[in-house]
Amino acid sequence: MKGISLATGDYIWIAEADDSCSDVFLEKMMESFEADDKSY
């Protein structure tokens, strides 16, 4: 949890050792978050 307490951004992705994603995953997710007016 130390990483969360040190985070300075608006979003946190909790990735574990066995998680994987495509090269553009975070870019596409951020586009979706920024286009949506909801709170997460």
PDB file of N, CA and C in Angstrom:
ATOM      1  N   MET A   1       0.808  -1.201   0.000  1.00  0.00           N
ATOM      2  CA  MET A   1       0.000   0.000   0.000  1.00  0.00           C
ATOM      3  C   MET A   1       0.851   1.265   0.000  1.00  0.00           C
ATOM      4  N   LYS A   2       2.142   1.146   0.169  1.00  0.00           N
ATOM      5  CA  LYS A   2       2.994   2.335   0.181  1.00  0.00           C
ATOM      6  C   LYS A   2       2.894   3.093  -1.138  1.00  0.00           C
ATOM      7  N   GLY A   3       2.812   2.370  -2.245  1.00  0.00           N
ATOM      8  CA  GLY A   3       2.713   3.019  -3.548  1.00  0.00           C
ATOM      9  C   GLY A   3       1.472   3.887  -3.665  1.00  0.00           C
ATOM     10  N   ILE A   4       0.364   3.419  -3.128  1.00  0.00           N
ATOM     11  CA  ILE A   4      -0.878   4.195  -3.178  1.00  0.00           C
ATOM     12  C   ILE A   4      -0.720   5.480  -2.376  1.00  0.00           C
ATOM     13  N   SER A   5      -0.108   5.407  -1.224  1.00  0.00           N
ATOM     14  CA  SER A   5       0.058   6.614  -0.404  1.00  0.00           C
ATOM     15  C   SER A   5       1.019   7.609  -1.050  1.00  0.00           C
ATOM     16  N   LEU A   6       1.900   7.142  -1.926  1.00  0.00           N
ATOM     17  CA  LEU A   6       2.841   8.021  -2.609  1.00  0.00           C
ATOM     18  C   LEU A   6       2.334   8.505  -3.965  1.00  0.00           C
ATOM     19  N   ALA A   7       1.231   7.957  -4.433  1.00  0.00           N
ATOM     20  CA  ALA A   7       0.704   8.318  -5.752  1.00  0.00           C
ATOM     21  C   ALA A   7       0.309   9.790  -5.791  1.00  0.00           C
ATOM     22  N   THR A   8       0.565  10.425  -6.936  1.00  0.00           N
ATOM     23  CA  THR A   8       0.240  11.843  -7.085  1.00  0.00           C
ATOM     24  C   THR A   8      -0.728  12.103  -8.229  1.00  0.00           C
ATOM     25  N   GLY A   9      -1.101  11.086  -8.963  1.00  0.00           N
ATOM     26  CA  GLY A   9      -1.991  11.259 -10.106  1.00  0.00           C
ATOM     27  C   GLY A   9      -3.453  11.207  -9.718  1.00  0.00           C
ATOM     28  N   ASP A  10      -4.304  11.312 -10.721  1.00  0.00           N
ATOM     29  CA  ASP A  10      -5.749  11.278 -10.508  1.00  0.00           C
ATOM     30  C   ASP A  10      -6.297   9.857 -10.463  1.00  0.00           C
ATOM     31  N   TYR A  11      -5.578   8.907 -11.049  1.00  0.00           N
ATOM     32  CA  TYR A  11      -6.042   7.523 -11.132  1.00  0.00           C
ATOM     33  C   TYR A  11      -4.949   6.585 -10.641  1.00  0.00           C
ATOM     34  N   ILE A  12      -5.373   5.434 -10.130  1.00  0.00           N
ATOM     35  CA  ILE A  12      -4.439   4.390  -9.714  1.00  0.00           C
ATOM     36  C   ILE A  12      -4.896   3.080 -10.342  1.00  0.00           C
ATOM     37  N   TRP A  13      -3.975   2.397 -10.983  1.00  0.00           N
ATOM     38  CA  TRP A  13      -4.257   1.061 -11.500  1.00  0.00           C
ATOM     39  C   TRP A  13      -3.472   0.094 -10.621  1.00  0.00           C
ATOM     40  N   ILE A  14      -4.186  -0.760  -9.929  1.00  0.00           N
ATOM     41  CA  ILE A  14      -3.535  -1.751  -9.079  1.00  0.00           C
ATOM     42  C   ILE A  14      -3.259  -2.977  -9.940  1.00  0.00           C
ATOM     43  N   ALA A  15      -2.013  -3.107 -10.369  1.00  0.00           N
ATOM     44  CA  ALA A  15      -1.595  -4.216 -11.219  1.00  0.00           C
ATOM     45  C   ALA A  15      -0.814  -5.209 -10.375  1.00  0.00           C
ATOM     46  N   GLU A  16      -1.164  -6.462 -10.503  1.00  0.00           N
ATOM     47  CA  GLU A  16      -0.473  -7.517  -9.773  1.00  0.00           C
ATOM     48  C   GLU A  16       0.481  -8.241 -10.714  1.00  0.00           C
ATOM     49  N   ALA A  17       1.323  -9.066 -10.167  1.00  0.00           N
ATOM     50  CA  ALA A  17       2.381  -9.721 -10.929  1.00  0.00           C
ATOM     51  C   ALA A  17       1.863 -10.513 -12.124  1.00  0.00           C
ATOM     52  N   ASP A  18       0.650 -11.066 -12.035  1.00  0.00           N
ATOM     53  CA  ASP A  18       0.137 -11.880 -13.133  1.00  0.00           C
ATOM     54  C   ASP A  18      -0.791 -11.100 -14.068  1.00  0.00           C
ATOM     55  N   ASP A  19      -0.913  -9.798 -13.892  1.00  0.00           N
ATOM     56  CA  ASP A  19      -1.733  -8.968 -14.782  1.00  0.00           C
ATOM     57  C   ASP A  19      -0.955  -8.617 -16.042  1.00  0.00           C
ATOM     58  N   SER A  20      -1.669  -8.531 -17.138  1.00  0.00           N
ATOM     59  CA  SER A  20      -1.055  -8.080 -18.383  1.00  0.00           C
ATOM     60  C   SER A  20      -2.088  -7.276 -19.161  1.00  0.00           C
ATOM     61  N   CYS A  21      -1.613  -6.486 -20.108  1.00  0.00           N
ATOM     62  CA  CYS A  21      -2.527  -5.691 -20.922  1.00  0.00           C
ATOM     63  C   CYS A  21      -1.856  -5.390 -22.256  1.00  0.00           C
ATOM     64  N   SER A  22      -2.648  -4.893 -23.186  1.00  0.00           N
ATOM     65  CA  SER A  22      -2.101  -4.532 -24.489  1.00  0.00           C
ATOM     66  C   SER A  22      -1.262  -3.260 -24.357  1.00  0.00           C
ATOM     67  N   ASP A  23      -0.496  -2.970 -25.379  1.00  0.00           N
ATOM     68  CA  ASP A  23       0.373  -1.791 -25.371  1.00  0.00           C
ATOM     69  C   ASP A  23      -0.400  -0.481 -25.263  1.00  0.00           C
ATOM     70  N   VAL A  24      -1.659  -0.476 -25.683  1.00  0.00           N
ATOM     71  CA  VAL A  24      -2.443   0.766 -25.690  1.00  0.00           C
ATOM     72  C   VAL A  24      -3.566   0.763 -24.654  1.00  0.00           C
ATOM     73  N   PHE A  25      -3.569  -0.201 -23.755  1.00  0.00           N
ATOM     74  CA  PHE A  25      -4.643  -0.331 -22.773  1.00  0.00           C
ATOM     75  C   PHE A  25      -4.866   0.953 -21.975  1.00  0.00           C
ATOM     76  N   LEU A  26      -3.829   1.456 -21.331  1.00  0.00           N
ATOM     77  CA  LEU A  26      -3.995   2.640 -20.484  1.00  0.00           C
ATOM     78  C   LEU A  26      -4.379   3.869 -21.302  1.00  0.00           C
ATOM     79  N   GLU A  27      -3.815   4.004 -22.487  1.00  0.00           N
ATOM     80  CA  GLU A  27      -4.172   5.125 -23.359  1.00  0.00           C
ATOM     81  C   GLU A  27      -5.661   5.090 -23.699  1.00  0.00           C
ATOM     82  N   LYS A  28      -6.169   3.934 -24.070  1.00  0.00           N
ATOM     83  CA  LYS A  28      -7.586   3.797 -24.426  1.00  0.00           C
ATOM     84  C   LYS A  28      -8.487   3.985 -23.212  1.00  0.00           C
ATOM     85  N   MET A  29      -8.083   3.471 -22.067  1.00  0.00           N
ATOM     86  CA  MET A  29      -8.879   3.648 -20.852  1.00  0.00           C
ATOM     87  C   MET A  29      -8.958   5.121 -20.469  1.00  0.00           C
ATOM     88  N   MET A  30      -7.846   5.837 -20.577  1.00  0.00           N
ATOM     89  CA  MET A  30      -7.851   7.257 -20.221  1.00  0.00           C
ATOM     90  C   MET A  30      -8.725   8.056 -21.182  1.00  0.00           C
ATOM     91  N   GLU A  31      -8.719   7.707 -22.460  1.00  0.00           N
ATOM     92  CA  GLU A  31      -9.613   8.368 -23.415  1.00  0.00           C
ATOM     93  C   GLU A  31     -11.058   8.183 -22.981  1.00  0.00           C
ATOM     94  N   SER A  32     -11.402   6.985 -22.552  1.00  0.00           N
ATOM     95  CA  SER A  32     -12.760   6.692 -22.104  1.00  0.00           C
ATOM     96  C   SER A  32     -13.098   7.465 -20.833  1.00  0.00           C
ATOM     97  N   PHE A  33     -12.191   7.478 -19.862  1.00  0.00           N
ATOM     98  CA  PHE A  33     -12.429   8.222 -18.619  1.00  0.00           C
ATOM     99  C   PHE A  33     -12.623   9.710 -18.895  1.00  0.00           C
ATOM    100  N   GLU A  34     -11.777  10.280 -19.744  1.00  0.00           N
ATOM    101  CA  GLU A  34     -11.833  11.716 -20.009  1.00  0.00           C
ATOM    102  C   GLU A  34     -13.060  12.105 -20.827  1.00  0.00           C
ATOM    103  N   ALA A  35     -13.589  11.187 -21.626  1.00  0.00           N
ATOM    104  CA  ALA A  35     -14.766  11.471 -22.443  1.00  0.00           C
ATOM    105  C   ALA A  35     -16.053  11.328 -21.638  1.00  0.00           C
ATOM    106  N   ASP A  36     -15.986  10.635 -20.505  1.00  0.00           N
ATOM    107  CA  ASP A  36     -17.155  10.357 -19.678  1.00  0.00           C
ATOM    108  C   ASP A  36     -17.214  11.360 -18.532  1.00  0.00           C
ATOM    109  N   ASP A  37     -18.410  11.824 -18.213  1.00  0.00           N
ATOM    110  CA  ASP A  37     -18.592  12.849 -17.189  1.00  0.00           C
ATOM    111  C   ASP A  37     -18.803  12.271 -15.788  1.00  0.00           C
ATOM    112  N   LYS A  38     -18.715  10.953 -15.650  1.00  0.00           N
ATOM    113  CA  LYS A  38     -19.001  10.302 -14.368  1.00  0.00           C
ATOM    114  C   LYS A  38     -17.781  10.309 -13.448  1.00  0.00           C
ATOM    115  N   SER A  39     -18.030  10.142 -12.173  1.00  0.00           N
ATOM    116  CA  SER A  39     -16.951  10.004 -11.195  1.00  0.00           C
ATOM    117  C   SER A  39     -16.631   8.532 -11.015  1.00  0.00           C
ATOM    118  N   TYR A  40     -15.366   8.221 -10.886  1.00  0.00           N
ATOM    119  CA  TYR A  40     -14.930   6.844 -10.669  1.00  0.00           C
ATOM    120  C   TYR A  40     -14.190   6.760  -9.373  1.00  0.00           C
TER     121      TYR A  40
END
